[in-house]
């Protein structure tokens, strides 16, 4: 059963019964590509300190939720925008990975080209850290809460045109396990190094 779209997200377009996040890539036709961020939308969202789902700004006293993998903690950066609490709750119900409707990445690389030469999809690329198209098992996902005053975007050293959330020296308010996917040996090392809650079978 599809989750009910909360009232604060009622202004978002809907596809397949799901609210389309503000940063989601979408073709010129309007067809969204869930799981892939439009680089320009994401950059705007991070620069203006907007929620990655509802596109509303964060207040100075807000708590911000980030959905993170073990590698994000050890790298010190997150490639996705923060979320309001109600948006994070919706994402946990609606996203196949966060709701554990799936435990693996796509087995084939997603096609991001629609064939329309005027569509922005010709500029889309998967991030270098994305294992999409490998069919590999998904890592554990965590939700980490931080204060809005600690939330800032910085350029990606590998691709300066991209922004990412700086997690270095952030004192998280709390970190909780979202999906207890069994970690591979590398992620197990990251979990131990970062002192994260341990996934349990």
Foldseek 3Di string as FASTA:
>chain_A
DQDDDDPLQVVADDDPNHGDFQQFDAKPVRHTDPPFGDQVSQQVCQVQQAARGSRHHDDQFFKWKDKDFLVCLVVQWAQGHTHGPVVVVNCCRHPCCLVVVDFWAALAADDQDPPPPPIPSVVGDDDPPDPHNNRGTHGWIKMWIAGPVQWHWAADPVGRSGIITGRPPTDTPDMDTRDLRDHDPVSVVSCVVSVHDHRDD
